[in-house]
């Protein structure tokens, strides 16, 4: 019974993670990436603090929902035909680290918006924005490690289809490679979130013992009656 509940709550948390993360960001908005003084001054003068705080809180709840999703994914990765415990544990630890590193960045943005009404000096604001952007870019490395470890666990253990694992590995590598010029500098920054959303949606709306991301012939049963493709 407990496992059945977890098999529903975990994926559903991943769906809500994506919806709240993106929804919260759309509600409050951010200044332009590496804005000029005039662009940042305009953003500070026009930001709706109440709306920003509401959106930031929604986004923070979304970030926290990654924890139950990662915990479920850890259990799912351990159900493959071969042992993938090391990359699965790495994924779980990196995922927890991503949550721990991301929440303070959201808090810093909220603090900046809250101080906007006091006539914050634009140079001070530029410093805060630069620190926030650099911190966010560093969280992409941790998320990239999460994706990379999940992909390795899938490819090695066979708990999900191989193409899902390779997609995660490619996304993880992209996150690390794009660090030098900023993860948001290209559309690739959203790929990790889309991967999480896709996996979460599949397991949310395809409940039950027989779950498989790609139906293929010749698969072998694994622990708990969950099939996996080669």
C-alpha atoms as a PDB file:
ATOM      1  CA  UNK A   1       0.000   0.000   0.000  1.00  0.00           C
ATOM      2  CA  UNK A   2       2.765   2.415   0.956  1.00  0.00           C
ATOM      3  CA  UNK A   3       4.674   1.598  -2.230  1.00  0.00           C
ATOM      4  CA  UNK A   4       1.550   2.134  -4.319  1.00  0.00           C
ATOM      5  CA  UNK A   5       1.038   5.565  -2.766  1.00  0.00           C
ATOM      6  CA  UNK A   6       4.676   6.453  -3.329  1.00  0.00           C
ATOM      7  CA  UNK A   7       4.440   5.360  -6.958  1.00  0.00           C
ATOM      8  CA  UNK A   8       1.732   7.963  -7.447  1.00  0.00           C
ATOM      9  CA  UNK A   9       2.908  10.770  -5.187  1.00  0.00           C
ATOM     10  CA  UNK A  10       6.480  10.752  -6.497  1.00  0.00           C
ATOM     11  CA  UNK A  11       5.673  11.239 -10.198  1.00  0.00           C
ATOM     12  CA  UNK A  12       2.840  13.666  -9.385  1.00  0.00           C
ATOM     13  CA  UNK A  13       5.370  15.731  -7.419  1.00  0.00           C
ATOM     14  CA  UNK A  14       7.516  15.902 -10.550  1.00  0.00           C
ATOM     15  CA  UNK A  15       4.592  17.205 -12.588  1.00  0.00           C
ATOM     16  CA  UNK A  16       3.797  19.865  -9.980  1.00  0.00           C
ATOM     17  CA  UNK A  17       7.509  20.686  -9.719  1.00  0.00           C
ATOM     18  CA  UNK A  18       7.577  21.730 -13.368  1.00  0.00           C
ATOM     19  CA  UNK A  19       4.213  23.527 -13.314  1.00  0.00           C
ATOM     20  CA  UNK A  20       4.918  25.553 -10.167  1.00  0.00           C
ATOM     21  CA  UNK A  21       8.538  26.284 -11.083  1.00  0.00           C
ATOM     22  CA  UNK A  22       7.614  27.683 -14.491  1.00  0.00           C
ATOM     23  CA  UNK A  23       4.374  29.244 -13.305  1.00  0.00           C
ATOM     24  CA  UNK A  24       6.039  31.045 -10.414  1.00  0.00           C
ATOM     25  CA  UNK A  25       8.793  32.386 -12.664  1.00  0.00           C
ATOM     26  CA  UNK A  26       6.226  33.645 -15.162  1.00  0.00           C
ATOM     27  CA  UNK A  27       4.242  35.387 -12.428  1.00  0.00           C
ATOM     28  CA  UNK A  28       7.077  37.412 -10.933  1.00  0.00           C
ATOM     29  CA  UNK A  29       9.530  37.633 -13.816  1.00  0.00           C
ATOM     30  CA  UNK A  30      13.228  38.462 -13.639  1.00  0.00           C
ATOM     31  CA  UNK A  31      15.275  41.355 -14.992  1.00  0.00           C
ATOM     32  CA  UNK A  32      17.124  40.778 -18.254  1.00  0.00           C
ATOM     33  CA  UNK A  33      20.180  38.536 -18.082  1.00  0.00           C
ATOM     34  CA  UNK A  34      23.171  40.803 -17.403  1.00  0.00           C
ATOM     35  CA  UNK A  35      21.076  43.984 -17.725  1.00  0.00           C
ATOM     36  CA  UNK A  36      22.456  47.448 -18.366  1.00  0.00           C
ATOM     37  CA  UNK A  37      22.131  50.050 -15.613  1.00  0.00           C
ATOM     38  CA  UNK A  38      19.152  51.652 -17.357  1.00  0.00           C
ATOM     39  CA  UNK A  39      17.402  48.292 -17.854  1.00  0.00           C
ATOM     40  CA  UNK A  40      17.873  47.301 -14.229  1.00  0.00           C
ATOM     41  CA  UNK A  41      16.815  50.726 -12.950  1.00  0.00           C
ATOM     42  CA  UNK A  42      13.621  50.451 -15.016  1.00  0.00           C
ATOM     43  CA  UNK A  43      12.926  46.957 -13.645  1.00  0.00           C
ATOM     44  CA  UNK A  44      13.460  48.092 -10.057  1.00  0.00           C
ATOM     45  CA  UNK A  45      11.174  51.082 -10.541  1.00  0.00           C
ATOM     46  CA  UNK A  46       8.348  49.032 -12.034  1.00  0.00           C
ATOM     47  CA  UNK A  47       8.514  45.727 -10.158  1.00  0.00           C
ATOM     48  CA  UNK A  48       5.335  44.781  -8.288  1.00  0.00           C
ATOM     49  CA  UNK A  49       6.749  43.592  -4.983  1.00  0.00           C
ATOM     50  CA  UNK A  50       3.590  41.748  -3.887  1.00  0.00           C
ATOM     51  CA  UNK A  51       3.370  39.911  -7.196  1.00  0.00           C
ATOM     52  CA  UNK A  52       7.072  39.135  -7.147  1.00  0.00           C
ATOM     53  CA  UNK A  53       6.881  37.672  -3.645  1.00  0.00           C
ATOM     54  CA  UNK A  54       3.837  35.575  -4.551  1.00  0.00           C
ATOM     55  CA  UNK A  55       5.559  34.212  -7.643  1.00  0.00           C
ATOM     56  CA  UNK A  56       8.792  33.548  -5.747  1.00  0.00           C
ATOM     57  CA  UNK A  57       6.900  31.601  -3.068  1.00  0.00           C
ATOM     58  CA  UNK A  58       5.169  29.497  -5.724  1.00  0.00           C
ATOM     59  CA  UNK A  59       8.504  28.830  -7.389  1.00  0.00           C
ATOM     60  CA  UNK A  60      10.050  27.860  -4.033  1.00  0.00           C
ATOM     61  CA  UNK A  61       7.263  25.336  -3.415  1.00  0.00           C
ATOM     62  CA  UNK A  62       7.976  23.903  -6.845  1.00  0.00           C
ATOM     63  CA  UNK A  63      11.663  23.535  -5.993  1.00  0.00           C
ATOM     64  CA  UNK A  64      10.802  21.689  -2.786  1.00  0.00           C
ATOM     65  CA  UNK A  65       8.596  19.260  -4.710  1.00  0.00           C
ATOM     66  CA  UNK A  66      11.706  18.011  -6.469  1.00  0.00           C
ATOM     67  CA  UNK A  67      12.621  16.155  -3.250  1.00  0.00           C
ATOM     68  CA  UNK A  68       9.753  13.607  -3.299  1.00  0.00           C
ATOM     69  CA  UNK A  69      10.214  13.183  -7.056  1.00  0.00           C
ATOM     70  CA  UNK A  70      13.936  12.482  -6.651  1.00  0.00           C
ATOM     71  CA  UNK A  71      13.202  10.051  -3.807  1.00  0.00           C
ATOM     72  CA  UNK A  72      10.725   8.181  -6.017  1.00  0.00           C
ATOM     73  CA  UNK A  73      13.150   8.205  -8.950  1.00  0.00           C
ATOM     74  CA  UNK A  74      15.854   6.765  -6.710  1.00  0.00           C
ATOM     75  CA  UNK A  75      13.611   3.841  -5.833  1.00  0.00           C
ATOM     76  CA  UNK A  76      12.645   3.364  -9.462  1.00  0.00           C
ATOM     77  CA  UNK A  77      16.279   3.324 -10.599  1.00  0.00           C
ATOM     78  CA  UNK A  78      17.065   0.597  -8.066  1.00  0.00           C
ATOM     79  CA  UNK A  79      14.532  -1.740  -9.722  1.00  0.00           C
ATOM     80  CA  UNK A  80      16.586  -2.433 -12.828  1.00  0.00           C
ATOM     81  CA  UNK A  81      18.011  -5.778 -13.887  1.00  0.00           C
ATOM     82  CA  UNK A  82      21.541  -4.767 -12.915  1.00  0.00           C
ATOM     83  CA  UNK A  83      22.852  -2.942  -9.872  1.00  0.00           C
ATOM     84  CA  UNK A  84      22.909   0.827 -10.332  1.00  0.00           C
ATOM     85  CA  UNK A  85      23.049   1.831  -6.688  1.00  0.00           C
ATOM     86  CA  UNK A  86      26.073   4.154  -6.942  1.00  0.00           C
ATOM     87  CA  UNK A  87      24.730   6.422  -9.721  1.00  0.00           C
ATOM     88  CA  UNK A  88      21.259   6.278  -8.128  1.00  0.00           C
ATOM     89  CA  UNK A  89      22.622   7.478  -4.781  1.00  0.00           C
ATOM     90  CA  UNK A  90      24.636  10.146  -6.608  1.00  0.00           C
ATOM     91  CA  UNK A  91      21.471  11.331  -8.333  1.00  0.00           C
ATOM     92  CA  UNK A  92      19.589  11.564  -5.052  1.00  0.00           C
ATOM     93  CA  UNK A  93      22.401  13.431  -3.269  1.00  0.00           C
ATOM     94  CA  UNK A  94      22.913  15.843  -6.173  1.00  0.00           C
ATOM     95  CA  UNK A  95      19.168  16.455  -6.385  1.00  0.00           C
ATOM     96  CA  UNK A  96      19.026  17.330  -2.697  1.00  0.00           C
ATOM     97  CA  UNK A  97      22.025  19.601  -3.201  1.00  0.00           C
ATOM     98  CA  UNK A  98      20.296  21.363  -6.098  1.00  0.00           C
ATOM     99  CA  UNK A  99      17.302  22.143  -3.881  1.00  0.00           C
ATOM    100  CA  UNK A 100      19.579  23.391  -1.092  1.00  0.00           C
ATOM    101  CA  UNK A 101      21.516  25.663  -3.469  1.00  0.00           C
ATOM    102  CA  UNK A 102      18.504  26.963  -5.407  1.00  0.00           C
ATOM    103  CA  UNK A 103      16.324  28.152  -2.520  1.00  0.00           C
ATOM    104  CA  UNK A 104      18.842  30.796  -1.294  1.00  0.00           C
ATOM    105  CA  UNK A 105      19.057  32.186  -4.836  1.00  0.00           C
ATOM    106  CA  UNK A 106      15.285  32.664  -4.832  1.00  0.00           C
ATOM    107  CA  UNK A 107      15.562  34.340  -1.448  1.00  0.00           C
ATOM    108  CA  UNK A 108      18.188  36.749  -2.759  1.00  0.00           C
ATOM    109  CA  UNK A 109      15.959  37.736  -5.684  1.00  0.00           C
ATOM    110  CA  UNK A 110      13.048  38.282  -3.306  1.00  0.00           C
ATOM    111  CA  UNK A 111      15.247  40.467  -1.105  1.00  0.00           C
ATOM    112  CA  UNK A 112      16.314  42.540  -4.118  1.00  0.00           C
ATOM    113  CA  UNK A 113      12.706  43.088  -5.176  1.00  0.00           C
ATOM    114  CA  UNK A 114      11.726  43.993  -1.622  1.00  0.00           C
ATOM    115  CA  UNK A 115      14.457  46.645  -1.467  1.00  0.00           C
ATOM    116  CA  UNK A 116      13.482  48.128  -4.839  1.00  0.00           C
ATOM    117  CA  UNK A 117      10.854  50.331  -3.177  1.00  0.00           C
ATOM    118  CA  UNK A 118      13.529  51.999  -1.035  1.00  0.00           C
ATOM    119  CA  UNK A 119      15.407  53.512  -3.976  1.00  0.00           C
ATOM    120  CA  UNK A 120      18.186  50.912  -4.108  1.00  0.00           C
ATOM    121  CA  UNK A 121      21.368  52.178  -5.756  1.00  0.00           C
ATOM    122  CA  UNK A 122      21.669  50.664  -9.215  1.00  0.00           C
ATOM    123  CA  UNK A 123      25.330  49.692  -8.734  1.00  0.00           C
ATOM    124  CA  UNK A 124      24.470  47.799  -5.557  1.00  0.00           C
ATOM    125  CA  UNK A 125      21.590  46.175  -7.389  1.00  0.00           C
ATOM    126  CA  UNK A 126      23.922  45.206 -10.249  1.00  0.00           C
ATOM    127  CA  UNK A 127      26.198  43.480  -7.747  1.00  0.00           C
ATOM    128  CA  UNK A 128      23.294  41.502  -6.300  1.00  0.00           C
ATOM    129  CA  UNK A 129      22.051  40.562  -9.778  1.00  0.00           C
ATOM    130  CA  UNK A 130      25.541  39.433 -10.825  1.00  0.00           C
ATOM    131  CA  UNK A 131      25.905  37.283  -7.704  1.00  0.00           C
ATOM    132  CA  UNK A 132      22.440  35.790  -8.186  1.00  0.00           C
ATOM    133  CA  UNK A 133      23.110  34.984 -11.827  1.00  0.00           C
ATOM    134  CA  UNK A 134      26.469  33.388 -11.061  1.00  0.00           C
ATOM    135  CA  UNK A 135      24.916  31.372  -8.230  1.00  0.00           C
ATOM    136  CA  UNK A 136      22.108  30.212 -10.489  1.00  0.00           C
ATOM    137  CA  UNK A 137      24.591  29.175 -13.162  1.00  0.00           C
ATOM    138  CA  UNK A 138      26.428  27.103 -10.556  1.00  0.00           C
ATOM    139  CA  UNK A 139      23.201  25.325  -9.580  1.00  0.00           C
ATOM    140  CA  UNK A 140      23.023  24.173 -13.204  1.00  0.00           C
ATOM    141  CA  UNK A 141      26.198  22.167 -12.605  1.00  0.00           C
ATOM    142  CA  UNK A 142      24.514  20.378  -9.697  1.00  0.00           C
ATOM    143  CA  UNK A 143      21.367  19.782 -11.737  1.00  0.00           C
ATOM    144  CA  UNK A 144      23.576  18.561 -14.566  1.00  0.00           C
ATOM    145  CA  UNK A 145      25.191  16.065 -12.200  1.00  0.00           C
ATOM    146  CA  UNK A 146      21.714  14.954 -11.129  1.00  0.00           C
ATOM    147  CA  UNK A 147      20.725  14.360 -14.745  1.00  0.00           C
ATOM    148  CA  UNK A 148      24.013  12.666 -15.604  1.00  0.00           C
ATOM    149  CA  UNK A 149      23.809  10.291 -12.637  1.00  0.00           C
ATOM    150  CA  UNK A 150      20.170   9.468 -13.393  1.00  0.00           C
ATOM    151  CA  UNK A 151      21.076   8.725 -17.002  1.00  0.00           C
ATOM    152  CA  UNK A 152      23.969   6.468 -16.040  1.00  0.00           C
ATOM    153  CA  UNK A 153      21.736   4.603 -13.574  1.00  0.00           C
ATOM    154  CA  UNK A 154      19.097   4.064 -16.263  1.00  0.00           C
ATOM    155  CA  UNK A 155      21.586   2.903 -18.900  1.00  0.00           C
ATOM    156  CA  UNK A 156      23.433   0.667 -16.461  1.00  0.00           C
ATOM    157  CA  UNK A 157      20.506  -0.760 -14.524  1.00  0.00           C
ATOM    158  CA  UNK A 158      17.844  -0.885 -17.229  1.00  0.00           C
ATOM    159  CA  UNK A 159      15.024   0.380 -15.018  1.00  0.00           C
ATOM    160  CA  UNK A 160      13.755   2.559 -17.872  1.00  0.00           C
ATOM    161  CA  UNK A 161      14.257   2.652 -21.598  1.00  0.00           C
ATOM    162  CA  UNK A 162      17.807   3.236 -22.773  1.00  0.00           C
ATOM    163  CA  UNK A 163      16.919   6.331 -24.811  1.00  0.00           C
ATOM    164  CA  UNK A 164      15.574   8.002 -21.660  1.00  0.00           C
ATOM    165  CA  UNK A 165      18.891   7.394 -19.937  1.00  0.00           C
ATOM    166  CA  UNK A 166      20.958   8.642 -22.868  1.00  0.00           C
ATOM    167  CA  UNK A 167      18.790  11.754 -23.107  1.00  0.00           C
ATOM    168  CA  UNK A 168      19.500  12.489 -19.436  1.00  0.00           C
ATOM    169  CA  UNK A 169      23.235  11.977 -19.975  1.00  0.00           C
ATOM    170  CA  UNK A 170      23.286  14.361 -22.942  1.00  0.00           C
ATOM    171  CA  UNK A 171      21.345  16.999 -21.005  1.00  0.00           C
ATOM    172  CA  UNK A 172      23.706  16.674 -18.042  1.00  0.00           C
ATOM    173  CA  UNK A 173      26.723  17.187 -20.284  1.00  0.00           C
ATOM    174  CA  UNK A 174      25.072  20.219 -21.921  1.00  0.00           C
ATOM    175  CA  UNK A 175      24.498  21.809 -18.516  1.00  0.00           C
ATOM    176  CA  UNK A 176      28.159  21.465 -17.612  1.00  0.00           C
ATOM    177  CA  UNK A 177      29.409  22.644 -21.012  1.00  0.00           C
ATOM    178  CA  UNK A 178      27.198  25.752 -21.038  1.00  0.00           C
ATOM    179  CA  UNK A 179      28.427  26.908 -17.630  1.00  0.00           C
ATOM    180  CA  UNK A 180      31.106  29.139 -19.177  1.00  0.00           C
ATOM    181  CA  UNK A 181      28.537  31.395 -20.885  1.00  0.00           C
ATOM    182  CA  UNK A 182      25.491  30.856 -18.681  1.00  0.00           C
ATOM    183  CA  UNK A 183      22.881  28.117 -18.737  1.00  0.00           C
ATOM    184  CA  UNK A 184      20.124  30.579 -19.699  1.00  0.00           C
ATOM    185  CA  UNK A 185      22.105  31.899 -22.655  1.00  0.00           C
ATOM    186  CA  UNK A 186      20.620  29.118 -24.817  1.00  0.00           C
ATOM    187  CA  UNK A 187      17.238  27.327 -24.879  1.00  0.00           C
ATOM    188  CA  UNK A 188      19.080  24.241 -23.588  1.00  0.00           C
ATOM    189  CA  UNK A 189      18.600  25.515 -20.034  1.00  0.00           C
ATOM    190  CA  UNK A 190      15.051  24.175 -19.933  1.00  0.00           C
ATOM    191  CA  UNK A 191      15.890  20.672 -21.185  1.00  0.00           C
ATOM    192  CA  UNK A 192      16.454  19.183 -17.727  1.00  0.00           C
ATOM    193  CA  UNK A 193      13.095  20.433 -16.502  1.00  0.00           C
ATOM    194  CA  UNK A 194      11.374  19.071 -19.615  1.00  0.00           C
ATOM    195  CA  UNK A 195      12.997  15.663 -19.043  1.00  0.00           C
ATOM    196  CA  UNK A 196      11.746  15.595 -15.463  1.00  0.00           C
ATOM    197  CA  UNK A 197       8.279  16.692 -16.567  1.00  0.00           C
ATOM    198  CA  UNK A 198       8.102  14.047 -19.300  1.00  0.00           C
ATOM    199  CA  UNK A 199       9.149  11.187 -17.009  1.00  0.00           C
ATOM    200  CA  UNK A 200       6.845  12.418 -14.239  1.00  0.00           C
ATOM    201  CA  UNK A 201       3.872  12.726 -16.606  1.00  0.00           C
ATOM    202  CA  UNK A 202       4.384   9.230 -17.974  1.00  0.00           C
ATOM    203  CA  UNK A 203       4.438   7.581 -14.563  1.00  0.00           C
ATOM    204  CA  UNK A 204       1.613   9.770 -13.259  1.00  0.00           C
ATOM    205  CA  UNK A 205      -0.816   9.006 -16.052  1.00  0.00           C
ATOM    206  CA  UNK A 206       0.319   5.410 -16.679  1.00  0.00           C
ATOM    207  CA  UNK A 207      -0.009   3.983 -13.141  1.00  0.00           C
ATOM    208  CA  UNK A 208       0.169   0.330 -12.257  1.00  0.00           C
ATOM    209  CA  UNK A 209       2.651  -2.499 -12.160  1.00  0.00           C
ATOM    210  CA  UNK A 210       3.400  -2.650 -15.887  1.00  0.00           C
ATOM    211  CA  UNK A 211       5.196   0.640 -16.637  1.00  0.00           C
ATOM    212  CA  UNK A 212       7.469   1.131 -19.552  1.00  0.00           C
ATOM    213  CA  UNK A 213       8.602   4.258 -21.401  1.00  0.00           C
ATOM    214  CA  UNK A 214       8.956   2.460 -24.736  1.00  0.00           C
ATOM    215  CA  UNK A 215       7.223  -0.802 -25.455  1.00  0.00           C
ATOM    216  CA  UNK A 216       9.612  -3.248 -27.016  1.00  0.00           C
ATOM    217  CA  UNK A 217       9.717  -6.967 -27.495  1.00  0.00           C
ATOM    218  CA  UNK A 218      11.937  -9.330 -25.640  1.00  0.00           C
ATOM    219  CA  UNK A 219      12.012  -7.462 -22.315  1.00  0.00           C
ATOM    220  CA  UNK A 220      12.751  -9.213 -19.062  1.00  0.00           C
ATOM    221  CA  UNK A 221      10.763  -8.794 -15.834  1.00  0.00           C
ATOM    222  CA  UNK A 222      12.460  -7.105 -12.921  1.00  0.00           C
ATOM    223  CA  UNK A 223      11.801  -6.848  -9.208  1.00  0.00           C
ATOM    224  CA  UNK A 224       8.282  -5.818  -8.298  1.00  0.00           C
ATOM    225  CA  UNK A 225       6.874  -6.838 -11.676  1.00  0.00           C
ATOM    226  CA  UNK A 226       8.148  -3.682 -13.390  1.00  0.00           C
ATOM    227  CA  UNK A 227       9.395  -4.354 -16.939  1.00  0.00           C
ATOM    228  CA  UNK A 228      12.355  -2.541 -18.462  1.00  0.00           C
ATOM    229  CA  UNK A 229      13.693  -2.423 -21.986  1.00  0.00           C
ATOM    230  CA  UNK A 230      17.225  -3.193 -22.989  1.00  0.00           C
END
